[in-house]
Amino acid sequence: MNEVVAVAGISVVALVLSVAGGAWVVPLVLRHAESTAAPAQAEALAVLGNGTWIGLLERFAITGTILAGYPEGVAVVVAVKALGRLPELREHPVAGERFVVGTLASLVWAAAVGLGAHAIFGAL
């Protein structure tokens, strides 16, 4: 019973760390990676306006699939996100770079948190 409680607690902490920590890490990466002029950044931000909420849900889903022992779910999350944004990115290629960098930063962060928690599960 104690192991089940520990796994549940670690899972909750990992999900919170993934979502909340990623909300800090992803913008930091984007600020360092942006190479476009201010008007282009404004266009990208306008096109990708709901990116923050999508990123929060993306990190939750990615970390969750790893914690559930279904890492293949990461591919599903990335595919759904890409297909949902494809029409916008075709019309506004300037937003594409920001989309790719933000998505990769979010993915790496969420996967690292999920894998770290999964490693802790193995040590229990």
PDB file of N, CA and C in Angstrom:
ATOM      1  N   MET A   1       0.820  -1.205   0.000  1.00  0.00           N
ATOM      2  CA  MET A   1       0.000   0.000   0.000  1.00  0.00           C
ATOM      3  C   MET A   1       0.857   1.259   0.000  1.00  0.00           C
ATOM      4  N   ASN A   2       1.945   1.246   0.770  1.00  0.00           N
ATOM      5  CA  ASN A   2       2.819   2.420   0.831  1.00  0.00           C
ATOM      6  C   ASN A   2       3.435   2.735  -0.527  1.00  0.00           C
ATOM      7  N   GLU A   3       3.728   1.684  -1.297  1.00  0.00           N
ATOM      8  CA  GLU A   3       4.312   1.900  -2.618  1.00  0.00           C
ATOM      9  C   GLU A   3       3.304   2.576  -3.553  1.00  0.00           C
ATOM     10  N   VAL A   4       2.048   2.196  -3.462  1.00  0.00           N
ATOM     11  CA  VAL A   4       1.003   2.803  -4.292  1.00  0.00           C
ATOM     12  C   VAL A   4       0.867   4.281  -3.958  1.00  0.00           C
ATOM     13  N   VAL A   5       0.895   4.609  -2.681  1.00  0.00           N
ATOM     14  CA  VAL A   5       0.802   6.011  -2.256  1.00  0.00           C
ATOM     15  C   VAL A   5       2.017   6.789  -2.742  1.00  0.00           C
ATOM     16  N   ALA A   6       3.193   6.169  -2.649  1.00  0.00           N
ATOM     17  CA  ALA A   6       4.417   6.830  -3.110  1.00  0.00           C
ATOM     18  C   ALA A   6       4.365   7.092  -4.609  1.00  0.00           C
ATOM     19  N   VAL A   7       3.920   6.103  -5.375  1.00  0.00           N
ATOM     20  CA  VAL A   7       3.828   6.263  -6.834  1.00  0.00           C
ATOM     21  C   VAL A   7       2.830   7.361  -7.174  1.00  0.00           C
ATOM     22  N   ALA A   8       1.696   7.368  -6.482  1.00  0.00           N
ATOM     23  CA  ALA A   8       0.689   8.408  -6.734  1.00  0.00           C
ATOM     24  C   ALA A   8       1.241   9.792  -6.400  1.00  0.00           C
ATOM     25  N   GLY A   9       1.930   9.914  -5.277  1.00  0.00           N
ATOM     26  CA  GLY A   9       2.512  11.203  -4.885  1.00  0.00           C
ATOM     27  C   GLY A   9       3.576  11.676  -5.857  1.00  0.00           C
ATOM     28  N   ILE A  10       4.434  10.752  -6.258  1.00  0.00           N
ATOM     29  CA  ILE A  10       5.486  11.103  -7.222  1.00  0.00           C
ATOM     30  C   ILE A  10       4.856  11.508  -8.559  1.00  0.00           C
ATOM     31  N   SER A  11       3.802  10.824  -8.951  1.00  0.00           N
ATOM     32  CA  SER A  11       3.124  11.157 -10.208  1.00  0.00           C
ATOM     33  C   SER A  11       2.536  12.560 -10.170  1.00  0.00           C
ATOM     34  N   VAL A  12       1.890  12.900  -9.063  1.00  0.00           N
ATOM     35  CA  VAL A  12       1.304  14.240  -8.934  1.00  0.00           C
ATOM     36  C   VAL A  12       2.397  15.304  -8.969  1.00  0.00           C
ATOM     37  N   VAL A  13       3.473  15.082  -8.228  1.00  0.00           N
ATOM     38  CA  VAL A  13       4.580  16.043  -8.214  1.00  0.00           C
ATOM     39  C   VAL A  13       5.184  16.177  -9.609  1.00  0.00           C
ATOM     40  N   ALA A  14       5.365  15.059 -10.296  1.00  0.00           N
ATOM     41  CA  ALA A  14       5.937  15.102 -11.655  1.00  0.00           C
ATOM     42  C   ALA A  14       5.034  15.866 -12.610  1.00  0.00           C
ATOM     43  N   LEU A  15       3.740  15.645 -12.537  1.00  0.00           N
ATOM     44  CA  LEU A  15       2.817  16.353 -13.429  1.00  0.00           C
ATOM     45  C   LEU A  15       2.811  17.855 -13.149  1.00  0.00           C
ATOM     46  N   VAL A  16       2.816  18.216 -11.880  1.00  0.00           N
ATOM     47  CA  VAL A  16       2.857  19.645 -11.524  1.00  0.00           C
ATOM     48  C   VAL A  16       4.173  20.261 -11.973  1.00  0.00           C
ATOM     49  N   LEU A  17       5.279  19.564 -11.736  1.00  0.00           N
ATOM     50  CA  LEU A  17       6.596  20.070 -12.146  1.00  0.00           C
ATOM     51  C   LEU A  17       6.673  20.197 -13.669  1.00  0.00           C
ATOM     52  N   SER A  18       6.109  19.233 -14.371  1.00  0.00           N
ATOM     53  CA  SER A  18       6.128  19.275 -15.827  1.00  0.00           C
ATOM     54  C   SER A  18       5.371  20.479 -16.357  1.00  0.00           C
ATOM     55  N   VAL A  19       4.152  20.667 -15.861  1.00  0.00           N
ATOM     56  CA  VAL A  19       3.305  21.756 -16.363  1.00  0.00           C
ATOM     57  C   VAL A  19       3.820  23.110 -15.904  1.00  0.00           C
ATOM     58  N   ALA A  20       4.030  23.269 -14.605  1.00  0.00           N
ATOM     59  CA  ALA A  20       4.439  24.574 -14.053  1.00  0.00           C
ATOM     60  C   ALA A  20       5.885  24.911 -14.409  1.00  0.00           C
ATOM     61  N   GLY A  21       6.773  23.949 -14.295  1.00  0.00           N
ATOM     62  CA  GLY A  21       8.177  24.196 -14.638  1.00  0.00           C
ATOM     63  C   GLY A  21       8.353  24.502 -16.103  1.00  0.00           C
ATOM     64  N   GLY A  22       7.585  23.818 -16.939  1.00  0.00           N
ATOM     65  CA  GLY A  22       7.645  24.078 -18.370  1.00  0.00           C
ATOM     66  C   GLY A  22       7.162  25.467 -18.731  1.00  0.00           C
ATOM     67  N   ALA A  23       6.229  25.994 -17.931  1.00  0.00           N
ATOM     68  CA  ALA A  23       5.742  27.360 -18.165  1.00  0.00           C
ATOM     69  C   ALA A  23       6.842  28.382 -17.933  1.00  0.00           C
ATOM     70  N   TRP A  24       7.878  27.999 -17.237  1.00  0.00           N
ATOM     71  CA  TRP A  24       9.038  28.862 -17.018  1.00  0.00           C
ATOM     72  C   TRP A  24      10.142  28.542 -18.022  1.00  0.00           C
ATOM     73  N   VAL A  25      10.384  27.250 -18.272  1.00  0.00           N
ATOM     74  CA  VAL A  25      11.489  26.821 -19.136  1.00  0.00           C
ATOM     75  C   VAL A  25      11.247  27.188 -20.602  1.00  0.00           C
ATOM     76  N   VAL A  26      10.055  26.930 -21.112  1.00  0.00           N
ATOM     77  CA  VAL A  26       9.789  27.144 -22.544  1.00  0.00           C
ATOM     78  C   VAL A  26       9.951  28.615 -22.946  1.00  0.00           C
ATOM     79  N   PRO A  27       9.356  29.572 -22.211  1.00  0.00           N
ATOM     80  CA  PRO A  27       9.592  30.977 -22.593  1.00  0.00           C
ATOM     81  C   PRO A  27      11.066  31.381 -22.509  1.00  0.00           C
ATOM     82  N   LEU A  28      11.785  30.814 -21.554  1.00  0.00           N
ATOM     83  CA  LEU A  28      13.225  31.103 -21.440  1.00  0.00           C
ATOM     84  C   LEU A  28      13.957  30.632 -22.695  1.00  0.00           C
ATOM     85  N   VAL A  29      13.660  29.430 -23.136  1.00  0.00           N
ATOM     86  CA  VAL A  29      14.281  28.898 -24.358  1.00  0.00           C
ATOM     87  C   VAL A  29      13.890  29.746 -25.567  1.00  0.00           C
ATOM     88  N   LEU A  30      12.614  30.117 -25.646  1.00  0.00           N
ATOM     89  CA  LEU A  30      12.163  30.932 -26.779  1.00  0.00           C
ATOM     90  C   LEU A  30      12.859  32.290 -26.819  1.00  0.00           C
ATOM     91  N   ARG A  31      13.038  32.911 -25.660  1.00  0.00           N
ATOM     92  CA  ARG A  31      13.728  34.219 -25.644  1.00  0.00           C
ATOM     93  C   ARG A  31      15.151  34.093 -26.154  1.00  0.00           C
ATOM     94  N   HIS A  32      15.821  33.002 -25.817  1.00  0.00           N
ATOM     95  CA  HIS A  32      17.201  32.818 -26.257  1.00  0.00           C
ATOM     96  C   HIS A  32      17.309  32.383 -27.712  1.00  0.00           C
ATOM     97  N   ALA A  33      16.257  31.777 -28.231  1.00  0.00           N
ATOM     98  CA  ALA A  33      16.300  31.234 -29.588  1.00  0.00           C
ATOM     99  C   ALA A  33      15.789  32.199 -30.646  1.00  0.00           C
ATOM    100  N   GLU A  34      15.038  33.206 -30.260  1.00  0.00           N
ATOM    101  CA  GLU A  34      14.443  34.091 -31.256  1.00  0.00           C
ATOM    102  C   GLU A  34      15.493  34.935 -31.955  1.00  0.00           C
ATOM    103  N   SER A  35      15.394  34.893 -33.275  1.00  0.00           N
ATOM    104  CA  SER A  35      16.352  35.644 -34.089  1.00  0.00           C
ATOM    105  C   SER A  35      15.643  36.584 -35.054  1.00  0.00           C
ATOM    106  N   THR A  36      14.327  36.660 -34.960  1.00  0.00           N
ATOM    107  CA  THR A  36      13.585  37.491 -35.903  1.00  0.00           C
ATOM    108  C   THR A  36      13.353  38.883 -35.332  1.00  0.00           C
ATOM    109  N   ALA A  37      13.005  39.798 -36.212  1.00  0.00           N
ATOM    110  CA  ALA A  37      12.750  41.181 -35.816  1.00  0.00           C
ATOM    111  C   ALA A  37      11.423  41.279 -35.062  1.00  0.00           C
ATOM    112  N   ALA A  38      11.233  42.380 -34.371  1.00  0.00           N
ATOM    113  CA  ALA A  38      10.041  42.585 -33.542  1.00  0.00           C
ATOM    114  C   ALA A  38       8.727  42.424 -34.311  1.00  0.00           C
ATOM    115  N   PRO A  39       8.574  42.979 -35.535  1.00  0.00           N
ATOM    116  CA  PRO A  39       7.302  42.779 -36.253  1.00  0.00           C
ATOM    117  C   PRO A  39       7.021  41.298 -36.542  1.00  0.00           C
ATOM    118  N   ALA A  40       8.052  40.557 -36.878  1.00  0.00           N
ATOM    119  CA  ALA A  40       7.869  39.128 -37.149  1.00  0.00           C
ATOM    120  C   ALA A  40       7.489  38.390 -35.869  1.00  0.00           C
ATOM    121  N   GLN A  41       8.088  38.771 -34.742  1.00  0.00           N
ATOM    122  CA  GLN A  41       7.735  38.158 -33.454  1.00  0.00           C
ATOM    123  C   GLN A  41       6.288  38.454 -33.106  1.00  0.00           C
ATOM    124  N   ALA A  42       5.854  39.670 -33.370  1.00  0.00           N
ATOM    125  CA  ALA A  42       4.471  40.039 -33.084  1.00  0.00           C
ATOM    126  C   ALA A  42       3.506  39.210 -33.933  1.00  0.00           C
ATOM    127  N   GLU A  43       3.854  38.985 -35.192  1.00  0.00           N
ATOM    128  CA  GLU A  43       3.008  38.150 -36.048  1.00  0.00           C
ATOM    129  C   GLU A  43       2.948  36.719 -35.527  1.00  0.00           C
ATOM    130  N   ALA A  44       4.111  36.185 -35.145  1.00  0.00           N
ATOM    131  CA  ALA A  44       4.160  34.816 -34.623  1.00  0.00           C
ATOM    132  C   ALA A  44       3.323  34.692 -33.355  1.00  0.00           C
ATOM    133  N   LEU A  45       3.422  35.674 -32.471  1.00  0.00           N
ATOM    134  CA  LEU A  45       2.644  35.649 -31.233  1.00  0.00           C
ATOM    135  C   LEU A  45       1.147  35.740 -31.521  1.00  0.00           C
ATOM    136  N   ALA A  46       0.775  36.539 -32.508  1.00  0.00           N
ATOM    137  CA  ALA A  46      -0.634  36.668 -32.861  1.00  0.00           C
ATOM    138  C   ALA A  46      -1.178  35.360 -33.427  1.00  0.00           C
ATOM    139  N   VAL A  47      -0.391  34.693 -34.255  1.00  0.00           N
ATOM    140  CA  VAL A  47      -0.825  33.439 -34.871  1.00  0.00           C
ATOM    141  C   VAL A  47      -0.904  32.325 -33.825  1.00  0.00           C
ATOM    142  N   LEU A  48       0.073  32.271 -32.931  1.00  0.00           N
ATOM    143  CA  LEU A  48       0.153  31.193 -31.944  1.00  0.00           C
ATOM    144  C   LEU A  48      -0.402  31.635 -30.592  1.00  0.00           C
ATOM    145  N   GLY A  49      -1.433  32.448 -30.611  1.00  0.00           N
ATOM    146  CA  GLY A  49      -1.984  33.053 -29.408  1.00  0.00           C
ATOM    147  C   GLY A  49      -2.334  32.110 -28.282  1.00  0.00           C
ATOM    148  N   ASN A  50      -2.897  30.941 -28.560  1.00  0.00           N
ATOM    149  CA  ASN A  50      -3.277  30.004 -27.505  1.00  0.00           C
ATOM    150  C   ASN A  50      -2.177  29.005 -27.199  1.00  0.00           C
ATOM    151  N   GLY A  51      -0.977  29.311 -27.607  1.00  0.00           N
ATOM    152  CA  GLY A  51       0.142  28.391 -27.417  1.00  0.00           C
ATOM    153  C   GLY A  51       0.431  28.045 -25.980  1.00  0.00           C
ATOM    154  N   THR A  52       0.199  28.978 -25.076  1.00  0.00           N
ATOM    155  CA  THR A  52       0.475  28.712 -23.668  1.00  0.00           C
ATOM    156  C   THR A  52      -0.426  27.599 -23.149  1.00  0.00           C
ATOM    157  N   TRP A  53      -1.718  27.703 -23.402  1.00  0.00           N
ATOM    158  CA  TRP A  53      -2.641  26.670 -22.930  1.00  0.00           C
ATOM    159  C   TRP A  53      -2.372  25.335 -23.603  1.00  0.00           C
ATOM    160  N   ILE A  54      -2.084  25.381 -24.880  1.00  0.00           N
ATOM    161  CA  ILE A  54      -1.772  24.146 -25.598  1.00  0.00           C
ATOM    162  C   ILE A  54      -0.511  23.517 -25.018  1.00  0.00           C
ATOM    163  N   GLY A  55       0.493  24.336 -24.710  1.00  0.00           N
ATOM    164  CA  GLY A  55       1.728  23.830 -24.120  1.00  0.00           C
ATOM    165  C   GLY A  55       1.512  23.201 -22.757  1.00  0.00           C
ATOM    166  N   LEU A  56       0.668  23.824 -21.931  1.00  0.00           N
ATOM    167  CA  LEU A  56       0.367  23.252 -20.606  1.00  0.00           C
ATOM    168  C   LEU A  56      -0.260  21.866 -20.757  1.00  0.00           C
ATOM    169  N   LEU A  57      -1.230  21.761 -21.635  1.00  0.00           N
ATOM    170  CA  LEU A  57      -1.895  20.474 -21.856  1.00  0.00           C
ATOM    171  C   LEU A  57      -0.948  19.450 -22.495  1.00  0.00           C
ATOM    172  N   GLU A  58      -0.115  19.935 -23.386  1.00  0.00           N
ATOM    173  CA  GLU A  58       0.858  19.065 -24.047  1.00  0.00           C
ATOM    174  C   GLU A  58       1.812  18.449 -23.026  1.00  0.00           C
ATOM    175  N   ARG A  59       2.361  19.277 -22.148  1.00  0.00           N
ATOM    176  CA  ARG A  59       3.294  18.761 -21.134  1.00  0.00           C
ATOM    177  C   ARG A  59       2.601  17.785 -20.187  1.00  0.00           C
ATOM    178  N   PHE A  60       1.373  18.104 -19.790  1.00  0.00           N
ATOM    179  CA  PHE A  60       0.612  17.201 -18.922  1.00  0.00           C
ATOM    180  C   PHE A  60       0.432  15.845 -19.611  1.00  0.00           C
ATOM    181  N   ALA A  61       0.041  15.866 -20.877  1.00  0.00           N
ATOM    182  CA  ALA A  61      -0.209  14.630 -21.617  1.00  0.00           C
ATOM    183  C   ALA A  61       1.077  13.837 -21.840  1.00  0.00           C
ATOM    184  N   ILE A  62       2.155  14.512 -22.176  1.00  0.00           N
ATOM    185  CA  ILE A  62       3.419  13.812 -22.435  1.00  0.00           C
ATOM    186  C   ILE A  62       3.945  13.170 -21.155  1.00  0.00           C
ATOM    187  N   THR A  63       3.984  13.932 -20.088  1.00  0.00           N
ATOM    188  CA  THR A  63       4.453  13.367 -18.820  1.00  0.00           C
ATOM    189  C   THR A  63       3.523  12.249 -18.367  1.00  0.00           C
ATOM    190  N   GLY A  64       2.228  12.458 -18.530  1.00  0.00           N
ATOM    191  CA  GLY A  64       1.258  11.441 -18.142  1.00  0.00           C
ATOM    192  C   GLY A  64       1.416  10.135 -18.895  1.00  0.00           C
ATOM    193  N   THR A  65       1.648  10.207 -20.200  1.00  0.00           N
ATOM    194  CA  THR A  65       1.814   8.966 -20.966  1.00  0.00           C
ATOM    195  C   THR A  65       3.081   8.223 -20.552  1.00  0.00           C
ATOM    196  N   ILE A  66       4.121   8.958 -20.232  1.00  0.00           N
ATOM    197  CA  ILE A  66       5.357   8.310 -19.778  1.00  0.00           C
ATOM    198  C   ILE A  66       5.142   7.670 -18.407  1.00  0.00           C
ATOM    199  N   LEU A  67       4.477   8.387 -17.513  1.00  0.00           N
ATOM    200  CA  LEU A  67       4.207   7.836 -16.182  1.00  0.00           C
ATOM    201  C   LEU A  67       3.308   6.605 -16.259  1.00  0.00           C
ATOM    202  N   ALA A  68       2.407   6.594 -17.231  1.00  0.00           N
ATOM    203  CA  ALA A  68       1.497   5.462 -17.398  1.00  0.00           C
ATOM    204  C   ALA A  68       2.164   4.272 -18.079  1.00  0.00           C
ATOM    205  N   GLY A  69       3.421   4.444 -18.472  1.00  0.00           N
ATOM    206  CA  GLY A  69       4.122   3.358 -19.149  1.00  0.00           C
ATOM    207  C   GLY A  69       3.742   3.226 -20.612  1.00  0.00           C
ATOM    208  N   TYR A  70       3.266   4.297 -21.207  1.00  0.00           N
ATOM    209  CA  TYR A  70       2.857   4.310 -22.609  1.00  0.00           C
ATOM    210  C   TYR A  70       3.583   5.437 -23.341  1.00  0.00           C
ATOM    211  N   PRO A  71       4.898   5.298 -23.526  1.00  0.00           N
ATOM    212  CA  PRO A  71       5.651   6.382 -24.174  1.00  0.00           C
ATOM    213  C   PRO A  71       5.242   6.625 -25.623  1.00  0.00           C
ATOM    214  N   GLU A  72       4.579   5.654 -26.239  1.00  0.00           N
ATOM    215  CA  GLU A  72       4.106   5.844 -27.604  1.00  0.00           C
ATOM    216  C   GLU A  72       3.075   6.972 -27.671  1.00  0.00           C
ATOM    217  N   GLY A  73       2.457   7.268 -26.538  1.00  0.00           N
ATOM    218  CA  GLY A  73       1.481   8.346 -26.473  1.00  0.00           C
ATOM    219  C   GLY A  73       2.086   9.702 -26.789  1.00  0.00           C
ATOM    220  N   VAL A  74       3.402   9.832 -26.601  1.00  0.00           N
ATOM    221  CA  VAL A  74       4.080  11.087 -26.937  1.00  0.00           C
ATOM    222  C   VAL A  74       3.903  11.382 -28.420  1.00  0.00           C
ATOM    223  N   ALA A  75       4.021  10.353 -29.253  1.00  0.00           N
ATOM    224  CA  ALA A  75       3.847  10.543 -30.701  1.00  0.00           C
ATOM    225  C   ALA A  75       2.433  11.009 -31.026  1.00  0.00           C
ATOM    226  N   VAL A  76       1.461  10.493 -30.312  1.00  0.00           N
ATOM    227  CA  VAL A  76       0.068  10.895 -30.530  1.00  0.00           C
ATOM    228  C   VAL A  76      -0.110  12.364 -30.183  1.00  0.00           C
ATOM    229  N   VAL A  77       0.435  12.783 -29.044  1.00  0.00           N
ATOM    230  CA  VAL A  77       0.313  14.181 -28.605  1.00  0.00           C
ATOM    231  C   VAL A  77       0.959  15.111 -29.632  1.00  0.00           C
ATOM    232  N   VAL A  78       2.164  14.775 -30.065  1.00  0.00           N
ATOM    233  CA  VAL A  78       2.876  15.619 -31.030  1.00  0.00           C
ATOM    234  C   VAL A  78       2.124  15.658 -32.364  1.00  0.00           C
ATOM    235  N   ALA A  79       1.597  14.533 -32.795  1.00  0.00           N
ATOM    236  CA  ALA A  79       0.860  14.499 -34.068  1.00  0.00           C
ATOM    237  C   ALA A  79      -0.400  15.345 -33.996  1.00  0.00           C
ATOM    238  N   VAL A  80      -1.142  15.241 -32.913  1.00  0.00           N
ATOM    239  CA  VAL A  80      -2.370  16.031 -32.764  1.00  0.00           C
ATOM    240  C   VAL A  80      -2.044  17.518 -32.762  1.00  0.00           C
ATOM    241  N   LYS A  81      -0.979  17.876 -32.043  1.00  0.00           N
ATOM    242  CA  LYS A  81      -0.604  19.287 -31.989  1.00  0.00           C
ATOM    243  C   LYS A  81      -0.184  19.797 -33.374  1.00  0.00           C
ATOM    244  N   ALA A  82       0.623  19.028 -34.058  1.00  0.00           N
ATOM    245  CA  ALA A  82       1.101  19.452 -35.377  1.00  0.00           C
ATOM    246  C   ALA A  82      -0.049  19.565 -36.379  1.00  0.00           C
ATOM    247  N   LEU A  83      -0.930  18.592 -36.376  1.00  0.00           N
ATOM    248  CA  LEU A  83      -2.055  18.646 -37.309  1.00  0.00           C
ATOM    249  C   LEU A  83      -2.997  19.808 -36.994  1.00  0.00           C
ATOM    250  N   GLY A  84      -3.152  20.116 -35.720  1.00  0.00           N
ATOM    251  CA  GLY A  84      -4.008  21.228 -35.332  1.00  0.00           C
ATOM    252  C   GLY A  84      -3.446  22.577 -35.730  1.00  0.00           C
ATOM    253  N   ARG A  85      -2.129  22.689 -35.780  1.00  0.00           N
ATOM    254  CA  ARG A  85      -1.485  23.970 -36.099  1.00  0.00           C
ATOM    255  C   ARG A  85      -1.083  24.105 -37.564  1.00  0.00           C
ATOM    256  N   LEU A  86      -1.118  23.033 -38.306  1.00  0.00           N
ATOM    257  CA  LEU A  86      -0.631  23.062 -39.686  1.00  0.00           C
ATOM    258  C   LEU A  86      -1.265  24.150 -40.545  1.00  0.00           C
ATOM    259  N   PRO A  87      -2.596  24.330 -40.531  1.00  0.00           N
ATOM    260  CA  PRO A  87      -3.172  25.388 -41.378  1.00  0.00           C
ATOM    261  C   PRO A  87      -2.637  26.782 -41.031  1.00  0.00           C
ATOM    262  N   GLU A  88      -2.487  27.071 -39.747  1.00  0.00           N
ATOM    263  CA  GLU A  88      -1.966  28.391 -39.337  1.00  0.00           C
ATOM    264  C   GLU A  88      -0.524  28.570 -39.768  1.00  0.00           C
ATOM    265  N   LEU A  89       0.262  27.516 -39.639  1.00  0.00           N
ATOM    266  CA  LEU A  89       1.679  27.614 -39.972  1.00  0.00           C
ATOM    267  C   LEU A  89       1.905  27.727 -41.477  1.00  0.00           C
ATOM    268  N   ARG A  90       1.027  27.152 -42.260  1.00  0.00           N
ATOM    269  CA  ARG A  90       1.135  27.301 -43.723  1.00  0.00           C
ATOM    270  C   ARG A  90       0.888  28.740 -44.132  1.00  0.00           C
ATOM    271  N   GLU A  91      -0.062  29.382 -43.486  1.00  0.00           N
ATOM    272  CA  GLU A  91      -0.395  30.763 -43.818  1.00  0.00           C
ATOM    273  C   GLU A  91       0.608  31.761 -43.246  1.00  0.00           C
ATOM    274  N   HIS A  92       1.274  31.402 -42.163  1.00  0.00           N
ATOM    275  CA  HIS A  92       2.209  32.309 -41.480  1.00  0.00           C
ATOM    276  C   HIS A  92       3.505  31.569 -41.172  1.00  0.00           C
ATOM    277  N   PRO A  93       4.391  31.420 -42.161  1.00  0.00           N
ATOM    278  CA  PRO A  93       5.626  30.663 -41.948  1.00  0.00           C
ATOM    279  C   PRO A  93       6.537  31.268 -40.874  1.00  0.00           C
ATOM    280  N   VAL A  94       6.376  32.553 -40.594  1.00  0.00           N
ATOM    281  CA  VAL A  94       7.195  33.190 -39.556  1.00  0.00           C
ATOM    282  C   VAL A  94       6.941  32.528 -38.202  1.00  0.00           C
ATOM    283  N   ALA A  95       5.727  32.089 -37.987  1.00  0.00           N
ATOM    284  CA  ALA A  95       5.375  31.451 -36.720  1.00  0.00           C
ATOM    285  C   ALA A  95       5.940  30.039 -36.615  1.00  0.00           C
ATOM    286  N   GLY A  96       6.339  29.454 -37.730  1.00  0.00           N
ATOM    287  CA  GLY A  96       6.834  28.078 -37.736  1.00  0.00           C
ATOM    288  C   GLY A  96       8.042  27.854 -36.853  1.00  0.00           C
ATOM    289  N   GLU A  97       9.009  28.771 -36.912  1.00  0.00           N
ATOM    290  CA  GLU A  97      10.215  28.617 -36.098  1.00  0.00           C
ATOM    291  C   GLU A  97       9.866  28.650 -34.612  1.00  0.00           C
ATOM    292  N   ARG A  98       9.051  29.595 -34.218  1.00  0.00           N
ATOM    293  CA  ARG A  98       8.651  29.689 -32.815  1.00  0.00           C
ATOM    294  C   ARG A  98       7.892  28.427 -32.388  1.00  0.00           C
ATOM    295  N   PHE A  99       7.032  27.927 -33.260  1.00  0.00           N
ATOM    296  CA  PHE A  99       6.272  26.712 -32.974  1.00  0.00           C
ATOM    297  C   PHE A  99       7.200  25.525 -32.744  1.00  0.00           C
ATOM    298  N   VAL A 100       8.170  25.339 -33.630  1.00  0.00           N
ATOM    299  CA  VAL A 100       9.079  24.199 -33.525  1.00  0.00           C
ATOM    300  C   VAL A 100       9.946  24.309 -32.269  1.00  0.00           C
ATOM    301  N   VAL A 101      10.529  25.465 -32.028  1.00  0.00           N
ATOM    302  CA  VAL A 101      11.386  25.637 -30.856  1.00  0.00           C
ATOM    303  C   VAL A 101      10.580  25.457 -29.571  1.00  0.00           C
ATOM    304  N   GLY A 102       9.421  26.080 -29.503  1.00  0.00           N
ATOM    305  CA  GLY A 102       8.592  25.950 -28.304  1.00  0.00           C
ATOM    306  C   GLY A 102       8.131  24.526 -28.072  1.00  0.00           C
ATOM    307  N   THR A 103       7.731  23.854 -29.141  1.00  0.00           N
ATOM    308  CA  THR A 103       7.277  22.469 -29.023  1.00  0.00           C
ATOM    309  C   THR A 103       8.416  21.561 -28.566  1.00  0.00           C
ATOM    310  N   LEU A 104       9.581  21.724 -29.145  1.00  0.00           N
ATOM    311  CA  LEU A 104      10.716  20.880 -28.744  1.00  0.00           C
ATOM    312  C   LEU A 104      11.141  21.141 -27.304  1.00  0.00           C
ATOM    313  N   ALA A 105      11.168  22.393 -26.911  1.00  0.00           N
ATOM    314  CA  ALA A 105      11.525  22.707 -25.520  1.00  0.00           C
ATOM    315  C   ALA A 105      10.506  22.095 -24.564  1.00  0.00           C
ATOM    316  N   SER A 106       9.233  22.221 -24.898  1.00  0.00           N
ATOM    317  CA  SER A 106       8.173  21.662 -24.076  1.00  0.00           C
ATOM    318  C   SER A 106       8.264  20.142 -24.017  1.00  0.00           C
ATOM    319  N   LEU A 107       8.489  19.523 -25.158  1.00  0.00           N
ATOM    320  CA  LEU A 107       8.597  18.075 -25.248  1.00  0.00           C
ATOM    321  C   LEU A 107       9.779  17.546 -24.438  1.00  0.00           C
ATOM    322  N   VAL A 108      10.922  18.159 -24.597  1.00  0.00           N
ATOM    323  CA  VAL A 108      12.117  17.711 -23.869  1.00  0.00           C
ATOM    324  C   VAL A 108      11.918  17.857 -22.357  1.00  0.00           C
ATOM    325  N   TRP A 109      11.368  18.992 -21.936  1.00  0.00           N
ATOM    326  CA  TRP A 109      11.131  19.211 -20.507  1.00  0.00           C
ATOM    327  C   TRP A 109      10.168  18.159 -19.951  1.00  0.00           C
ATOM    328  N   ALA A 110       9.024  17.990 -20.620  1.00  0.00           N
ATOM    329  CA  ALA A 110       8.007  17.056 -20.134  1.00  0.00           C
ATOM    330  C   ALA A 110       8.522  15.617 -20.129  1.00  0.00           C
ATOM    331  N   ALA A 111       9.257  15.239 -21.154  1.00  0.00           N
ATOM    332  CA  ALA A 111       9.804  13.880 -21.214  1.00  0.00           C
ATOM    333  C   ALA A 111      10.853  13.673 -20.130  1.00  0.00           C
ATOM    334  N   ALA A 112      11.696  14.665 -19.892  1.00  0.00           N
ATOM    335  CA  ALA A 112      12.716  14.545 -18.848  1.00  0.00           C
ATOM    336  C   ALA A 112      12.081  14.373 -17.471  1.00  0.00           C
ATOM    337  N   VAL A 113      11.045  15.147 -17.193  1.00  0.00           N
ATOM    338  CA  VAL A 113      10.354  15.021 -15.906  1.00  0.00           C
ATOM    339  C   VAL A 113       9.699  13.649 -15.800  1.00  0.00           C
ATOM    340  N   GLY A 114       9.030  13.218 -16.854  1.00  0.00           N
ATOM    341  CA  GLY A 114       8.379  11.910 -16.847  1.00  0.00           C
ATOM    342  C   GLY A 114       9.360  10.771 -16.692  1.00  0.00           C
ATOM    343  N   LEU A 115      10.480  10.836 -17.402  1.00  0.00           N
ATOM    344  CA  LEU A 115      11.492   9.786 -17.294  1.00  0.00           C
ATOM    345  C   LEU A 115      12.162   9.792 -15.925  1.00  0.00           C
ATOM    346  N   GLY A 116      12.361  10.994 -15.368  1.00  0.00           N
ATOM    347  CA  GLY A 116      12.933  11.081 -14.020  1.00  0.00           C
ATOM    348  C   GLY A 116      12.025  10.429 -12.991  1.00  0.00           C
ATOM    349  N   ALA A 117      10.739  10.722 -13.073  1.00  0.00           N
ATOM    350  CA  ALA A 117       9.779  10.116 -12.146  1.00  0.00           C
ATOM    351  C   ALA A 117       9.697   8.608 -12.370  1.00  0.00           C
ATOM    352  N   HIS A 118       9.743   8.187 -13.629  1.00  0.00           N
ATOM    353  CA  HIS A 118       9.699   6.758 -13.943  1.00  0.00           C
ATOM    354  C   HIS A 118      10.922   6.045 -13.360  1.00  0.00           C
ATOM    355  N   ALA A 119      12.079   6.700 -13.403  1.00  0.00           N
ATOM    356  CA  ALA A 119      13.292   6.129 -12.799  1.00  0.00           C
ATOM    357  C   ALA A 119      13.135   5.999 -11.281  1.00  0.00           C
ATOM    358  N   ILE A 120      12.479   6.963 -10.671  1.00  0.00           N
ATOM    359  CA  ILE A 120      12.231   6.892  -9.221  1.00  0.00           C
ATOM    360  C   ILE A 120      11.291   5.720  -8.927  1.00  0.00           C
ATOM    361  N   PHE A 121      10.309   5.495  -9.778  1.00  0.00           N
ATOM    362  CA  PHE A 121       9.412   4.342  -9.600  1.00  0.00           C
ATOM    363  C   PHE A 121      10.216   3.046  -9.550  1.00  0.00           C
ATOM    364  N   GLY A 122      11.201   2.959 -10.459  1.00  0.00           N
ATOM    365  CA  GLY A 122      12.031   1.746 -10.514  1.00  0.00           C
ATOM    366  C   GLY A 122      12.869   1.541  -9.269  1.00  0.00           C
ATOM    367  N   ALA A 123      13.176   2.634  -8.568  1.00  0.00           N
ATOM    368  CA  ALA A 123      13.997   2.535  -7.364  1.00  0.00           C
ATOM    369  C   ALA A 123      13.174   2.180  -6.138  1.00  0.00           C
ATOM    370  N   LEU A 124      11.846   2.234  -6.242  1.00  0.00           N
ATOM    371  CA  LEU A 124      10.999   1.927  -5.087  1.00  0.00           C
ATOM    372  C   LEU A 124      10.949   0.448  -4.794  1.00  0.00           C
TER     373      LEU A 124
END
